[in-house]
């Protein structure tokens, strides 16, 4: 994988697949993927870099900083000239770090953003973050029972305020580019009036197709997009079954997700429809699913996760798979026939 493409107007050239370090955060937090060996995560990153993947997407929320620590360990093993670009996020805060089974709050107060950026720089072992993204739009008010804490009240922060903070961080040189994740059309337009939205990270896969309007907006405004979960948390790999879903470990967030429980049968039916297309290209179901996402207008790159180096072989050639009109028609027909997922069948 050597071909790269411009990431919007950031000046960065990225491989069309990047590594998603969500699972590297390990378990013991609400959205963990179950136990994960740090050595396996580091080895996976090094193997990806060797294959030409030149960017990593992580976040302080993944394992409450642990994913960034693991990414930092991998970066430290590479010569500076060979290090991949590092994309991370800001805006999720746990109110009680001893109760990580709860959901974090979406806090974008400037003082929290700056604190978290400094912490990310330390964990990653870098002087500048290549791309800093707002993880989610800001949350509501949150009271912390500590009268001595000057930040005892964390209030919802208007988008105009937090996007200005992001622009300030770029101007100060702490980050190279700024972007949004999980923001909708109206929020994109509001942010663009303040400072250019250089990137967007929406969820997008054969099972979650709702971001088509946002992707079109990005294509029209010179905004790069890196879509997450193109394999839909493993469902689109071709390796899932009801037995495997029921055997997921207790620390894996997917155990209770509708896509892996009540909606599983229709999702697996769509996966089965991808198998003859994969066979026709001499590739895997995973590669077909990723190639489909990359074929949609507005998509610059796709974030793909892996837990061990050997898993890379299942999708590393996805960028070389060119789906024909007949392939896309067959996929659209399968989406309509199974009723799997949401969003337009033919973006």
Protein backbone atom coordinates (compact mmCIF):
# COMPACT_ATOMS: atom_id res chain seq x y z
CA UNK A 1 0.00 0.00 0.00
CA UNK A 2 1.98 2.99 -1.26
CA UNK A 3 -0.52 5.29 -2.99
CA UNK A 4 -1.63 8.31 -0.99
CA UNK A 5 -4.26 11.00 -1.45
CA UNK A 6 -4.59 14.56 -0.13
CA UNK A 7 -6.48 14.89 3.15
CA UNK A 8 -8.59 17.89 2.22
CA UNK A 9 -6.65 21.13 2.54
CA UNK A 10 -4.45 19.97 5.43
CA UNK A 11 -1.36 19.53 3.28
CA UNK A 12 -1.11 15.94 4.47
CA UNK A 13 -1.06 13.00 2.07
CA UNK A 14 -2.56 9.87 3.59
CA UNK A 15 -2.87 6.22 2.67
CA UNK A 16 -6.49 5.38 1.95
CA UNK A 17 -6.55 3.05 4.95
CA UNK A 18 -5.44 4.13 8.41
CA UNK A 19 -5.15 2.21 11.65
CA UNK A 20 -7.87 2.62 14.25
CA UNK A 21 -6.48 2.22 17.77
CA UNK A 22 -9.80 1.91 19.63
CA UNK A 23 -9.25 -1.72 20.66
CA UNK A 24 -5.72 -0.86 21.82
CA UNK A 25 -7.37 0.88 24.77
CA UNK A 26 -8.07 -2.57 26.23
CA UNK A 27 -10.95 -3.51 28.49
CA UNK A 28 -12.02 -2.17 31.92
CA UNK A 29 -13.98 0.75 30.47
CA UNK A 30 -17.49 1.00 29.08
CA UNK A 31 -16.66 0.78 25.38
CA UNK A 32 -13.72 -1.61 25.57
CA UNK A 33 -13.28 -4.57 23.23
CA UNK A 34 -12.25 -7.05 25.88
CA UNK A 35 -8.69 -7.90 26.94
CA UNK A 36 -6.00 -6.72 24.53
CA UNK A 37 -2.26 -7.41 24.71
CA UNK A 38 -0.23 -4.20 24.35
CA UNK A 39 2.61 -6.06 22.64
CA UNK A 40 0.15 -7.28 19.99
CA UNK A 41 -1.10 -3.72 19.44
CA UNK A 42 2.43 -2.37 19.01
CA UNK A 43 3.37 -5.22 16.66
CA UNK A 44 0.24 -4.54 14.60
CA UNK A 45 1.10 -0.86 14.23
CA UNK A 46 4.68 -1.65 13.19
CA UNK A 47 3.43 -4.20 10.64
CA UNK A 48 0.99 -1.68 9.18
CA UNK A 49 3.67 0.97 8.81
CA UNK A 50 5.83 -1.57 7.02
CA UNK A 51 2.94 -2.17 4.59
CA UNK A 52 2.56 1.55 3.83
CA UNK A 53 -0.21 2.66 6.20
CA UNK A 54 0.89 6.16 7.20
CA UNK A 55 -1.62 7.33 9.80
CA UNK A 56 -3.12 6.23 13.11
CA UNK A 57 -6.39 7.38 14.62
CA UNK A 58 -6.66 7.22 18.40
CA UNK A 59 -8.31 9.15 21.25
CA UNK A 60 -7.72 9.77 24.95
CA UNK A 61 -11.14 8.21 25.57
CA UNK A 62 -9.94 4.81 24.35
CA UNK A 63 -9.01 3.14 27.59
CA UNK A 64 -8.81 6.55 29.33
CA UNK A 65 -5.48 7.36 27.70
CA UNK A 66 -4.18 3.81 27.35
CA UNK A 67 -4.57 3.68 23.56
CA UNK A 68 -2.44 6.82 23.22
CA UNK A 69 0.21 5.29 25.50
CA UNK A 70 0.33 2.20 23.29
CA UNK A 71 0.57 4.31 20.12
CA UNK A 72 3.39 6.26 21.77
CA UNK A 73 5.27 3.03 22.44
CA UNK A 74 5.00 2.07 18.78
CA UNK A 75 6.15 5.50 17.60
CA UNK A 76 9.18 5.29 19.89
CA UNK A 77 10.32 2.15 18.06
CA UNK A 78 10.34 3.85 14.66
CA UNK A 79 12.88 6.27 13.18
CA UNK A 80 11.35 9.72 13.07
CA UNK A 81 11.27 9.72 9.26
CA UNK A 82 9.21 6.50 9.27
CA UNK A 83 6.65 7.49 11.86
CA UNK A 84 3.02 7.61 10.77
CA UNK A 85 0.84 10.67 11.16
CA UNK A 86 -1.04 10.71 14.45
CA UNK A 87 -4.67 11.77 14.64
CA UNK A 88 -6.37 12.01 18.02
CA UNK A 89 -9.41 13.64 19.58
CA UNK A 90 -10.63 15.72 22.48
CA UNK A 91 -13.85 16.26 24.39
CA UNK A 92 -14.77 13.10 26.34
CA UNK A 93 -14.32 13.28 30.12
CA UNK A 94 -15.07 10.72 32.81
CA UNK A 95 -16.42 12.28 35.98
CA UNK A 96 -15.14 9.43 38.10
CA UNK A 97 -12.10 7.57 36.77
CA UNK A 98 -12.75 4.79 39.29
CA UNK A 99 -16.09 4.03 37.62
CA UNK A 100 -15.14 3.56 33.99
CA UNK A 101 -18.19 1.38 33.41
CA UNK A 102 -20.16 4.59 33.08
CA UNK A 103 -20.36 6.80 30.02
CA UNK A 104 -18.02 9.79 29.69
CA UNK A 105 -19.47 13.27 29.40
CA UNK A 106 -18.91 15.42 26.31
CA UNK A 107 -17.04 18.41 27.69
CA UNK A 108 -15.49 21.02 25.36
CA UNK A 109 -14.64 23.83 27.78
CA UNK A 110 -11.40 25.46 26.62
CA UNK A 111 -9.53 24.64 29.82
CA UNK A 112 -10.42 20.96 29.50
CA UNK A 113 -9.48 20.89 25.83
CA UNK A 114 -6.06 22.41 26.54
CA UNK A 115 -5.48 20.08 29.48
CA UNK A 116 -6.35 17.05 27.40
CA UNK A 117 -4.17 18.14 24.47
CA UNK A 118 -1.18 18.51 26.78
CA UNK A 119 -1.86 15.04 28.21
CA UNK A 120 -2.17 13.55 24.72
CA UNK A 121 1.16 15.07 23.68
CA UNK A 122 2.84 13.48 26.70
CA UNK A 123 1.27 10.05 26.16
CA UNK A 124 2.06 10.02 22.46
CA UNK A 125 5.57 11.37 22.96
CA UNK A 126 5.21 13.98 20.20
CA UNK A 127 5.63 17.75 20.01
CA UNK A 128 2.62 18.35 17.79
CA UNK A 129 -0.58 16.48 16.98
CA UNK A 130 -1.07 16.08 13.23
CA UNK A 131 -4.87 16.16 13.42
CA UNK A 132 -6.97 17.04 16.46
CA UNK A 133 -10.67 16.23 16.21
CA UNK A 134 -13.65 17.13 18.38
CA UNK A 135 -14.86 13.66 19.38
CA UNK A 136 -18.54 14.59 19.83
CA UNK A 137 -20.60 17.79 20.07
CA UNK A 138 -20.60 19.21 23.62
CA UNK A 139 -22.73 17.81 26.41
CA UNK A 140 -24.95 19.41 29.04
CA UNK A 141 -24.11 20.83 32.45
CA UNK A 142 -22.21 18.72 34.94
CA UNK A 143 -21.64 19.59 38.58
CA UNK A 144 -18.58 18.25 40.38
CA UNK A 145 -18.96 18.15 44.19
CA UNK A 146 -15.72 19.95 45.02
CA UNK A 147 -15.98 23.57 46.09
CA UNK A 148 -12.21 24.02 45.85
CA UNK A 149 -12.11 23.00 42.19
CA UNK A 150 -12.11 26.11 39.95
CA UNK A 151 -13.64 23.92 37.26
CA UNK A 152 -16.33 22.55 39.54
CA UNK A 153 -19.05 23.44 37.04
CA UNK A 154 -18.57 22.14 33.54
CA UNK A 155 -21.20 23.69 31.33
CA UNK A 156 -22.25 22.90 27.81
CA UNK A 157 -19.98 24.79 25.42
CA UNK A 158 -21.45 26.34 22.26
CA UNK A 159 -19.95 25.02 19.04
CA UNK A 160 -18.77 28.51 18.09
CA UNK A 161 -16.76 28.68 21.30
CA UNK A 162 -15.13 25.27 21.13
CA UNK A 163 -14.38 25.50 17.43
CA UNK A 164 -12.61 28.80 18.08
CA UNK A 165 -10.56 27.02 20.74
CA UNK A 166 -9.58 24.42 18.15
CA UNK A 167 -8.59 27.14 15.68
CA UNK A 168 -6.49 28.79 18.40
CA UNK A 169 -4.64 25.54 19.09
CA UNK A 170 -3.76 25.28 15.41
CA UNK A 171 -2.60 28.90 15.30
CA UNK A 172 -0.39 28.26 18.34
CA UNK A 173 1.24 25.29 16.61
CA UNK A 174 0.14 22.59 19.05
CA UNK A 175 -1.79 20.87 16.27
CA UNK A 176 -1.27 20.79 12.52
CA UNK A 177 -4.90 20.47 11.46
CA UNK A 178 -8.33 20.48 13.10
CA UNK A 179 -11.44 18.47 12.41
CA UNK A 180 -14.81 17.34 13.66
CA UNK A 181 -16.13 13.86 14.40
CA UNK A 182 -19.80 12.86 14.68
CA UNK A 183 -21.08 16.32 13.70
CA UNK A 184 -24.02 16.87 11.36
CA UNK A 185 -24.65 19.19 8.41
CA UNK A 186 -25.87 22.14 10.44
CA UNK A 187 -22.89 21.86 12.78
CA UNK A 188 -20.46 21.64 9.86
CA UNK A 189 -21.90 24.81 8.36
CA UNK A 190 -21.74 26.66 11.67
CA UNK A 191 -18.13 25.66 12.24
CA UNK A 192 -17.10 26.51 8.66
CA UNK A 193 -18.22 30.13 9.22
CA UNK A 194 -15.63 30.39 12.03
CA UNK A 195 -12.68 28.42 10.68
CA UNK A 196 -12.34 25.91 7.86
CA UNK A 197 -13.39 22.40 8.83
CA UNK A 198 -10.34 20.58 7.54
CA UNK A 199 -11.61 17.06 8.25
CA UNK A 200 -14.69 15.13 9.30
CA UNK A 201 -14.80 11.68 10.88
CA UNK A 202 -18.27 10.12 10.59
CA UNK A 203 -19.32 6.49 11.08
CA UNK A 204 -19.83 4.91 7.66
CA UNK A 205 -20.21 1.33 6.49
CA UNK A 206 -22.50 -0.94 4.53
CA UNK A 207 -24.60 -1.14 7.69
CA UNK A 208 -24.44 2.54 8.67
CA UNK A 209 -24.94 4.66 5.57
CA UNK A 210 -26.53 7.78 7.07
CA UNK A 211 -23.53 10.10 6.65
CA UNK A 212 -24.00 10.51 2.88
CA UNK A 213 -25.19 14.17 3.17
CA UNK A 214 -22.20 15.06 5.35
CA UNK A 215 -19.80 13.32 2.96
CA UNK A 216 -21.26 15.29 0.05
CA UNK A 217 -20.85 18.54 2.01
CA UNK A 218 -17.22 17.68 2.65
CA UNK A 219 -16.60 16.96 -1.04
CA UNK A 220 -18.06 20.35 -1.92
CA UNK A 221 -16.06 22.27 0.71
CA UNK A 222 -12.59 20.77 0.38
CA UNK A 223 -12.93 18.90 3.67
CA UNK A 224 -11.14 15.57 4.01
CA UNK A 225 -13.04 12.65 5.50
CA UNK A 226 -11.79 9.62 7.37
CA UNK A 227 -14.73 7.32 8.00
CA UNK A 228 -14.74 5.01 10.99
CA UNK A 229 -16.04 1.47 11.44
CA UNK A 230 -16.13 0.54 7.72
CA UNK A 231 -16.14 -3.09 8.92
CA UNK A 232 -18.87 -2.23 11.42
CA UNK A 233 -17.00 -3.45 14.48
CA UNK A 234 -16.14 -6.76 12.83
CA UNK A 235 -19.59 -7.65 11.52
CA UNK A 236 -18.52 -7.11 7.91
CA UNK A 237 -15.41 -9.26 8.05
CA UNK A 238 -17.18 -12.43 7.00
CA UNK A 239 -15.92 -14.16 10.11
CA UNK A 240 -18.89 -13.44 12.39
CA UNK A 241 -21.67 -15.83 13.29
CA UNK A 242 -24.38 -15.95 15.92
CA UNK A 243 -22.21 -18.37 17.92
CA UNK A 244 -19.29 -15.96 17.88
CA UNK A 245 -21.51 -13.04 18.86
CA UNK A 246 -22.87 -14.97 21.82
CA UNK A 247 -19.32 -15.92 22.87
CA UNK A 248 -18.01 -12.34 23.05
CA UNK A 249 -16.29 -11.73 26.41
CA UNK A 250 -17.98 -9.76 29.16
CA UNK A 251 -15.69 -6.77 28.62
CA UNK A 252 -16.69 -6.38 24.97
CA UNK A 253 -19.22 -3.58 24.37
CA UNK A 254 -20.68 -5.45 21.38
CA UNK A 255 -22.38 -8.04 23.63
CA UNK A 256 -25.35 -5.77 24.20
CA UNK A 257 -25.43 -3.86 20.90
CA UNK A 258 -28.53 -4.44 18.69
CA UNK A 259 -26.38 -5.05 15.60
CA UNK A 260 -24.90 -8.07 17.35
CA UNK A 261 -28.14 -9.28 18.94
CA UNK A 262 -31.62 -8.43 17.64
CA UNK A 263 -30.46 -7.29 14.18
CA UNK A 264 -27.75 -9.89 13.75
CA UNK A 265 -29.54 -12.24 11.33
CA UNK A 266 -30.28 -9.58 8.70
CA UNK A 267 -26.74 -8.23 9.05
CA UNK A 268 -25.24 -11.67 8.47
CA UNK A 269 -27.52 -12.14 5.46
CA UNK A 270 -25.99 -9.02 3.90
CA UNK A 271 -22.50 -10.36 4.62
CA UNK A 272 -23.39 -13.61 2.85
CA UNK A 273 -24.36 -11.59 -0.22
CA UNK A 274 -20.85 -10.11 -0.32
CA UNK A 275 -19.13 -13.49 -0.54
CA UNK A 276 -19.62 -14.11 -4.29
CA UNK A 277 -18.43 -10.56 -5.01
CA UNK A 278 -15.30 -11.18 -2.93
CA UNK A 279 -14.73 -14.49 -4.71
CA UNK A 280 -15.06 -12.75 -8.08
CA UNK A 281 -12.25 -10.37 -7.14
CA UNK A 282 -10.13 -13.03 -5.50
CA UNK A 283 -10.28 -11.17 -2.20
CA UNK A 284 -12.04 -11.17 1.17
CA UNK A 285 -15.40 -9.95 2.38
CA UNK A 286 -13.54 -7.40 4.52
CA UNK A 287 -11.80 -5.94 1.49
CA UNK A 288 -15.08 -5.67 -0.40
CA UNK A 289 -16.73 -3.85 2.52
CA UNK A 290 -13.85 -1.38 2.79
CA UNK A 291 -13.65 -0.91 -0.99
CA UNK A 292 -17.38 -0.10 -0.99
CA UNK A 293 -16.87 2.64 1.63
CA UNK A 294 -13.89 4.06 -0.24
CA UNK A 295 -15.91 4.18 -3.47
CA UNK A 296 -18.45 6.67 -2.11
CA UNK A 297 -18.07 10.31 -3.10
CA UNK A 298 -16.46 12.39 -0.39
CA UNK A 299 -14.61 9.56 1.37
CA UNK A 300 -10.87 10.25 1.60
CA UNK A 301 -9.81 7.35 3.80
CA UNK A 302 -11.14 4.62 6.06
CA UNK A 303 -10.12 3.75 9.62
CA UNK A 304 -9.69 0.01 10.10
CA UNK A 305 -8.78 -1.75 13.33
CA UNK A 306 -6.86 -4.92 14.04
CA UNK A 307 -5.76 -6.62 17.22
CA UNK A 308 -2.92 -8.78 15.88
CA UNK A 309 -0.59 -8.50 12.87
CA UNK A 310 -2.03 -11.59 11.18
CA UNK A 311 -5.43 -9.90 10.92
CA UNK A 312 -4.03 -7.38 8.44
CA UNK A 313 -3.98 -9.96 5.67
CA UNK A 314 -7.77 -9.97 5.69
CA UNK A 315 -8.08 -6.39 4.39
CA UNK A 316 -4.71 -4.87 3.55
CA UNK A 317 -5.39 -5.15 -0.22
CA UNK A 318 -8.76 -3.37 -0.01
CA UNK A 319 -7.43 -0.25 -1.75
CA UNK A 320 -6.66 -2.29 -4.86
CA UNK A 321 -10.20 -3.69 -5.16
CA UNK A 322 -12.21 -1.80 -7.80
CA UNK A 323 -15.88 -2.61 -7.55
CA UNK A 324 -17.74 -2.58 -10.86
CA UNK A 325 -21.15 -1.06 -11.49
CA UNK A 326 -22.54 -4.58 -11.44
CA UNK A 327 -20.92 -5.19 -8.03
CA UNK A 328 -22.41 -1.99 -6.62
CA UNK A 329 -25.81 -2.87 -8.05
CA UNK A 330 -25.64 -6.34 -6.45
CA UNK A 331 -24.69 -4.84 -3.10
CA UNK A 332 -27.52 -2.30 -3.27
CA UNK A 333 -29.98 -5.07 -4.11
CA UNK A 334 -28.75 -7.12 -1.15
CA UNK A 335 -29.16 -4.15 1.19
CA UNK A 336 -32.74 -3.68 0.02
CA UNK A 337 -33.55 -7.40 0.17
CA UNK A 338 -32.17 -7.93 3.67
CA UNK A 339 -33.24 -4.60 5.14
CA UNK A 340 -29.87 -4.47 6.88
CA UNK A 341 -28.58 -1.21 8.30
CA UNK A 342 -29.76 2.32 7.67
CA UNK A 343 -29.29 4.96 5.00
CA UNK A 344 -29.47 4.88 1.19
CA UNK A 345 -28.73 1.53 -0.42
CA UNK A 346 -26.78 3.15 -3.23
CA UNK A 347 -24.96 6.29 -1.95
